[in-house]
Amino acid sequence: MSNSFHEKAIQLAKQFVCHKGVPFEVGYRWGKNFLQEAFDLSPSQWAYKMFDVCPLHAELDKWVQEFITKHKPLSRSTQRRFFWNQWFALNEFTLDPRPETEGIVSLILNRKTEVNTVLDLGTGSGCILLSFLEAFPKAKGLGVDIQSDALTVAHQNAFQLGIGHRVQWICSNWYTNLETNAIKKNSFDLIVSNPPYIPSSQWIKLPPEVRFWDPKVALDGGKYGITPYKTIIPGAKQWLTYGGVLALEISSNAWLPFLISLGKQYFSKVSVFLDDFGRNRYLILY
């Protein structure tokens, strides 16, 4: 007899309650989210589709056990994450994209300004850059990351989306290797980055799902969590076109006034925007 996804979510909820000590309502929500992400289910499919007839259902128990015993996020088991409008492959060298990072894509698209060239600093899986290239069909992009193994996945994602011919990848620590790769200055309409912004002392306090599975280099922003911004903000002007935009994800910590002050030294307009939780999350400079 086939089980519905609702029935399977109840089974998972009981496991989460037993092993994680969470209320049943939380366990059920985890179970439902787990199933929806694992099988890419729309709300309508959730209502009628049978779990037993879905491919990969045999893998689910292994994924659940990895989550319970190793704190391994489902995205690390499946090696993929849905971001903006597409699925993106991940590996151990790429950050698992967060939903709030989609906000930086939304902010730029809502400006209704055409973008022809994009530079993504710390590109990881390439999800931000490739989302922009899909939104701007004539645009070309450059993705930069300090880890060549991350760029391997970004390259794979670009070709999977059919836009590999419009993007270049460079292994570099921020702007360091751009000139040596013959990248022209003042050639980008948009520079975007979600740099590391966790203070080093806070690393040990992060949830195990993050600390055990996300690369530290993608999260540790130095002593105060602002080290990358001290390079990215001052260096942006020489790579932006006239009127170009620098868009950054930031932490909502006490160093925001410093970042605003730093930005005003190089840009005439500095704006802070909130994420869906009402936290300071995005810095737009132009």
Protein backbone atom coordinates (compact mmCIF):
# COMPACT_ATOMS: atom_id res chain seq x y z
CA MET A 1 0.00 0.00 0.00
CA SER A 2 1.42 3.38 -1.03
CA ASN A 3 1.98 6.09 1.55
CA SER A 4 1.17 9.72 0.91
CA PHE A 5 3.84 12.33 1.53
CA HIS A 6 1.74 13.60 4.44
CA GLU A 7 1.92 10.16 6.08
CA LYS A 8 5.65 9.98 5.43
CA ALA A 9 6.12 13.43 7.00
CA ILE A 10 4.39 12.18 10.15
CA GLN A 11 6.81 9.24 10.28
CA LEU A 12 9.77 11.58 9.91
CA ALA A 13 8.35 13.94 12.53
CA LYS A 14 8.31 11.10 15.07
CA GLN A 15 11.98 10.39 14.31
CA PHE A 16 12.94 14.04 14.71
CA VAL A 17 10.96 14.30 17.98
CA CYS A 18 12.72 11.21 19.32
CA HIS A 19 16.27 12.12 18.29
CA LYS A 20 16.23 15.93 18.29
CA GLY A 21 13.87 16.53 21.22
CA VAL A 22 11.75 19.05 19.30
CA PRO A 23 7.94 19.46 19.54
CA PHE A 24 5.90 17.39 17.10
CA GLU A 25 4.83 20.51 15.16
CA VAL A 26 8.48 21.39 14.56
CA GLY A 27 9.30 17.79 13.65
CA TYR A 28 6.45 17.69 11.14
CA ARG A 29 7.58 20.96 9.57
CA TRP A 30 11.10 19.57 9.27
CA GLY A 31 9.74 16.36 7.78
CA LYS A 32 7.60 18.22 5.26
CA ASN A 33 10.44 20.54 4.25
CA PHE A 34 12.78 17.56 4.00
CA LEU A 35 10.44 15.76 1.61
CA GLN A 36 9.62 18.83 -0.47
CA GLU A 37 13.29 19.62 -0.96
CA ALA A 38 14.36 16.02 -1.56
CA PHE A 39 11.74 15.38 -4.23
CA ASP A 40 11.25 18.93 -5.56
CA LEU A 41 7.53 18.90 -4.75
CA SER A 42 5.13 21.70 -5.53
CA PRO A 43 2.22 22.28 -3.10
CA SER A 44 -0.18 20.51 -5.47
CA GLN A 45 2.11 17.49 -5.79
CA TRP A 46 2.41 17.36 -2.02
CA ALA A 47 -1.35 16.92 -1.78
CA TYR A 48 -1.76 13.95 -4.11
CA LYS A 49 1.54 12.30 -5.02
CA MET A 50 2.44 8.95 -3.46
CA PHE A 51 5.79 8.66 -1.73
CA ASP A 52 6.40 4.99 -2.55
CA VAL A 53 6.30 5.50 -6.32
CA CYS A 54 8.81 8.37 -6.36
CA PRO A 55 12.35 7.71 -7.53
CA LEU A 56 15.10 7.87 -4.90
CA HIS A 57 12.68 7.21 -2.05
CA ALA A 58 15.03 4.45 -0.89
CA GLU A 59 17.73 7.10 -0.37
CA LEU A 60 15.60 9.10 2.03
CA ASP A 61 16.22 6.99 5.13
CA LYS A 62 19.97 7.40 4.66
CA TRP A 63 19.60 11.16 4.28
CA VAL A 64 17.43 11.37 7.38
CA GLN A 65 19.94 9.39 9.44
CA GLU A 66 22.77 11.62 8.24
CA PHE A 67 20.76 14.65 9.34
CA ILE A 68 19.97 13.15 12.75
CA THR A 69 23.37 11.66 13.58
CA LYS A 70 25.79 13.90 11.67
CA HIS A 71 23.82 17.17 11.47
CA LYS A 72 24.23 16.86 7.70
CA PRO A 73 21.83 19.16 5.81
CA LEU A 74 19.81 17.53 3.06
CA SER A 75 21.47 19.83 0.53
CA ARG A 76 24.82 18.28 1.44
CA SER A 77 23.46 14.77 0.97
CA THR A 78 21.88 15.56 -2.40
CA GLN A 79 24.66 18.02 -3.34
CA ARG A 80 22.23 20.58 -4.70
CA ARG A 81 20.26 23.63 -3.58
CA PHE A 82 17.37 25.54 -5.18
CA PHE A 83 18.21 29.25 -5.48
CA TRP A 84 16.10 31.95 -7.13
CA ASN A 85 14.68 30.02 -10.12
CA GLN A 86 17.08 27.08 -10.55
CA TRP A 87 18.77 24.12 -8.90
CA PHE A 88 22.52 24.51 -8.38
CA ALA A 89 25.07 21.79 -7.72
CA LEU A 90 27.17 22.11 -4.56
CA ASN A 91 30.34 20.52 -3.28
CA GLU A 92 32.30 20.66 -0.03
CA PHE A 93 34.11 23.82 -1.18
CA THR A 94 30.96 25.87 -1.84
CA LEU A 95 28.73 27.64 0.64
CA ASP A 96 25.19 26.29 0.82
CA PRO A 97 23.21 29.34 -0.45
CA ARG A 98 20.76 30.83 2.04
CA PRO A 99 17.27 32.04 1.10
CA GLU A 100 18.07 35.57 2.29
CA THR A 101 20.82 35.81 -0.33
CA GLU A 102 18.09 35.75 -2.98
CA GLY A 103 17.20 39.22 -1.71
CA ILE A 104 20.28 40.72 -3.32
CA VAL A 105 19.12 39.39 -6.70
CA SER A 106 15.64 40.76 -6.11
CA LEU A 107 16.94 44.22 -5.15
CA ILE A 108 18.99 44.61 -8.31
CA LEU A 109 16.26 43.31 -10.60
CA ASN A 110 13.75 45.68 -9.01
CA ARG A 111 15.91 48.63 -10.06
CA LYS A 112 14.72 47.95 -13.63
CA THR A 113 18.14 48.95 -14.96
CA GLU A 114 19.82 46.95 -17.71
CA VAL A 115 23.02 45.20 -16.69
CA ASN A 116 25.51 44.07 -19.33
CA THR A 117 28.48 42.99 -17.23
CA VAL A 118 28.58 41.39 -13.77
CA LEU A 119 31.48 40.60 -11.44
CA ASP A 120 30.74 38.19 -8.58
CA LEU A 121 33.38 38.15 -5.85
CA GLY A 122 33.49 34.92 -3.83
CA THR A 123 31.16 33.25 -6.31
CA GLY A 124 31.13 29.75 -4.76
CA SER A 125 28.55 27.69 -6.66
CA GLY A 126 27.95 30.66 -8.97
CA CYS A 127 24.30 30.87 -7.96
CA ILE A 128 24.17 34.68 -7.62
CA LEU A 129 26.08 35.42 -10.82
CA LEU A 130 24.22 32.84 -12.90
CA SER A 131 20.87 34.07 -11.62
CA PHE A 132 21.75 37.54 -12.93
CA LEU A 133 22.92 36.17 -16.27
CA GLU A 134 19.62 34.35 -16.67
CA ALA A 135 17.73 37.55 -15.85
CA PHE A 136 19.83 39.61 -18.29
CA PRO A 137 20.08 37.44 -21.44
CA LYS A 138 22.66 39.69 -23.13
CA ALA A 139 24.90 40.07 -20.09
CA LYS A 140 28.31 38.52 -19.56
CA GLY A 141 29.81 37.67 -16.21
CA LEU A 142 33.00 36.99 -14.32
CA GLY A 143 33.00 34.80 -11.22
CA VAL A 144 35.93 34.99 -8.80
CA ASP A 145 36.71 32.62 -5.95
CA ILE A 146 39.79 31.83 -3.90
CA GLN A 147 39.06 28.09 -4.16
CA SER A 148 39.53 26.50 -7.57
CA ASP A 149 37.43 23.50 -6.47
CA ALA A 150 34.47 25.81 -5.95
CA LEU A 151 34.93 27.21 -9.46
CA THR A 152 34.72 23.67 -10.85
CA VAL A 153 31.14 23.43 -9.58
CA ALA A 154 30.29 26.97 -10.73
CA HIS A 155 31.54 26.07 -14.22
CA GLN A 156 29.38 22.93 -14.15
CA ASN A 157 26.31 24.93 -13.11
CA ALA A 158 26.82 27.47 -15.89
CA PHE A 159 26.86 24.81 -18.59
CA GLN A 160 23.96 22.97 -17.01
CA LEU A 161 21.94 26.19 -17.43
CA GLY A 162 23.16 26.66 -20.99
CA ILE A 163 24.99 29.92 -20.29
CA GLY A 164 28.57 28.72 -19.93
CA HIS A 165 29.59 30.70 -23.02
CA ARG A 166 28.69 33.97 -21.26
CA VAL A 167 30.76 33.57 -18.12
CA GLN A 168 34.44 33.44 -17.19
CA TRP A 169 35.93 32.07 -13.97
CA ILE A 170 39.12 33.24 -12.25
CA CYS A 171 40.76 31.84 -9.13
CA SER A 172 41.62 34.96 -7.14
CA ASN A 173 41.56 36.53 -3.70
CA TRP A 174 39.02 39.26 -4.47
CA TYR A 175 40.48 41.60 -7.14
CA THR A 176 44.07 40.31 -6.90
CA ASN A 177 44.35 38.35 -10.16
CA LEU A 178 41.99 40.34 -12.36
CA GLU A 179 44.63 42.46 -14.10
CA THR A 180 46.92 39.49 -14.71
CA ASN A 181 43.99 37.81 -16.49
CA ALA A 182 43.58 40.81 -18.82
CA ILE A 183 40.34 42.01 -17.22
CA LYS A 184 39.81 45.66 -18.13
CA LYS A 185 39.18 48.21 -15.42
CA ASN A 186 35.87 50.10 -15.30
CA SER A 187 34.18 47.30 -17.24
CA PHE A 188 31.44 46.04 -14.87
CA ASP A 189 27.95 47.50 -14.51
CA LEU A 190 27.45 45.45 -11.36
CA ILE A 191 29.78 44.02 -8.74
CA VAL A 192 28.07 41.68 -6.30
CA SER A 193 29.35 39.74 -3.31
CA ASN A 194 28.17 37.71 -0.36
CA PRO A 195 31.52 37.71 1.45
CA PRO A 196 32.40 36.01 4.74
CA TYR A 197 31.04 38.13 7.59
CA ILE A 198 31.02 35.92 10.69
CA PRO A 199 33.51 37.18 13.33
CA SER A 200 36.18 34.54 13.93
CA SER A 201 35.22 34.22 17.60
CA GLN A 202 31.64 33.32 16.62
CA TRP A 203 32.59 30.35 14.44
CA ILE A 204 32.47 27.84 17.30
CA LYS A 205 28.97 29.08 18.23
CA LEU A 206 27.44 28.40 14.81
CA PRO A 207 24.94 25.51 14.52
CA PRO A 208 26.60 22.17 13.72
CA GLU A 209 24.66 22.03 10.43
CA VAL A 210 26.70 25.07 9.40
CA ARG A 211 30.00 24.55 11.23
CA PHE A 212 30.46 20.93 10.18
CA TRP A 213 29.39 21.27 6.55
CA ASP A 214 30.01 24.78 5.20
CA PRO A 215 33.58 25.77 4.29
CA LYS A 216 35.02 28.01 6.99
CA VAL A 217 36.73 30.19 4.39
CA ALA A 218 33.29 31.15 3.05
CA LEU A 219 32.01 32.32 6.45
CA ASP A 220 34.89 33.54 8.63
CA GLY A 221 35.20 37.29 8.08
CA GLY A 222 38.14 37.89 10.38
CA LYS A 223 38.28 39.27 13.92
CA TYR A 224 35.26 41.56 13.56
CA GLY A 225 33.61 39.99 10.52
CA ILE A 226 34.43 42.95 8.28
CA THR A 227 37.85 42.11 6.81
CA PRO A 228 36.60 41.32 3.26
CA TYR A 229 34.67 44.60 3.04
CA LYS A 230 37.87 46.57 3.68
CA THR A 231 39.12 45.25 0.34
CA ILE A 232 35.90 44.96 -1.65
CA ILE A 233 34.48 48.45 -1.04
CA PRO A 234 37.63 50.55 -1.67
CA GLY A 235 38.59 48.45 -4.69
CA ALA A 236 35.23 48.44 -6.45
CA LYS A 237 35.35 51.87 -8.11
CA GLN A 238 38.25 51.01 -10.40
CA TRP A 239 36.33 48.03 -11.79
CA LEU A 240 32.86 49.58 -12.08
CA THR A 241 31.58 51.44 -15.11
CA TYR A 242 30.40 55.01 -14.62
CA GLY A 243 27.18 54.74 -12.60
CA GLY A 244 27.88 51.09 -11.80
CA VAL A 245 26.52 49.44 -8.65
CA LEU A 246 28.19 47.51 -5.83
CA ALA A 247 25.74 45.17 -4.09
CA LEU A 248 26.80 43.41 -0.89
CA GLU A 249 25.23 41.06 1.60
CA ILE A 250 26.14 42.12 5.13
CA SER A 251 25.68 41.06 8.74
CA SER A 252 23.27 43.01 10.89
CA ASN A 253 25.91 43.52 13.58
CA ALA A 254 27.32 46.57 15.32
CA TRP A 255 29.80 47.25 12.52
CA LEU A 256 27.15 48.48 10.08
CA PRO A 257 27.91 52.20 10.79
CA PHE A 258 31.55 51.50 9.93
CA LEU A 259 30.59 49.89 6.61
CA ILE A 260 28.31 52.81 5.75
CA SER A 261 31.07 55.30 6.60
CA LEU A 262 33.58 53.33 4.54
CA GLY A 263 31.18 53.19 1.61
CA LYS A 264 30.61 56.95 1.66
CA GLN A 265 34.33 57.51 1.18
CA TYR A 266 34.07 55.94 -2.28
CA PHE A 267 30.41 56.21 -3.35
CA SER A 268 27.96 59.10 -3.42
CA LYS A 269 24.99 56.90 -2.51
CA VAL A 270 24.97 54.18 0.17
CA SER A 271 21.70 52.44 1.05
CA VAL A 272 20.88 49.68 3.54
CA PHE A 273 18.00 47.28 2.88
CA LEU A 274 16.28 44.76 5.15
CA ASP A 275 15.79 41.04 4.58
CA ASP A 276 12.44 39.30 5.02
CA PHE A 277 13.08 39.04 8.78
CA GLY A 278 13.49 42.79 9.17
CA ARG A 279 17.27 42.63 9.63
CA ASN A 280 19.84 44.87 7.95
CA ARG A 281 21.12 42.56 5.24
CA TYR A 282 22.06 44.36 2.00
CA LEU A 283 24.31 47.30 1.22
CA ILE A 284 23.83 48.96 -2.19
CA LEU A 285 26.45 51.51 -3.25
CA TYR A 286 26.66 53.64 -6.40
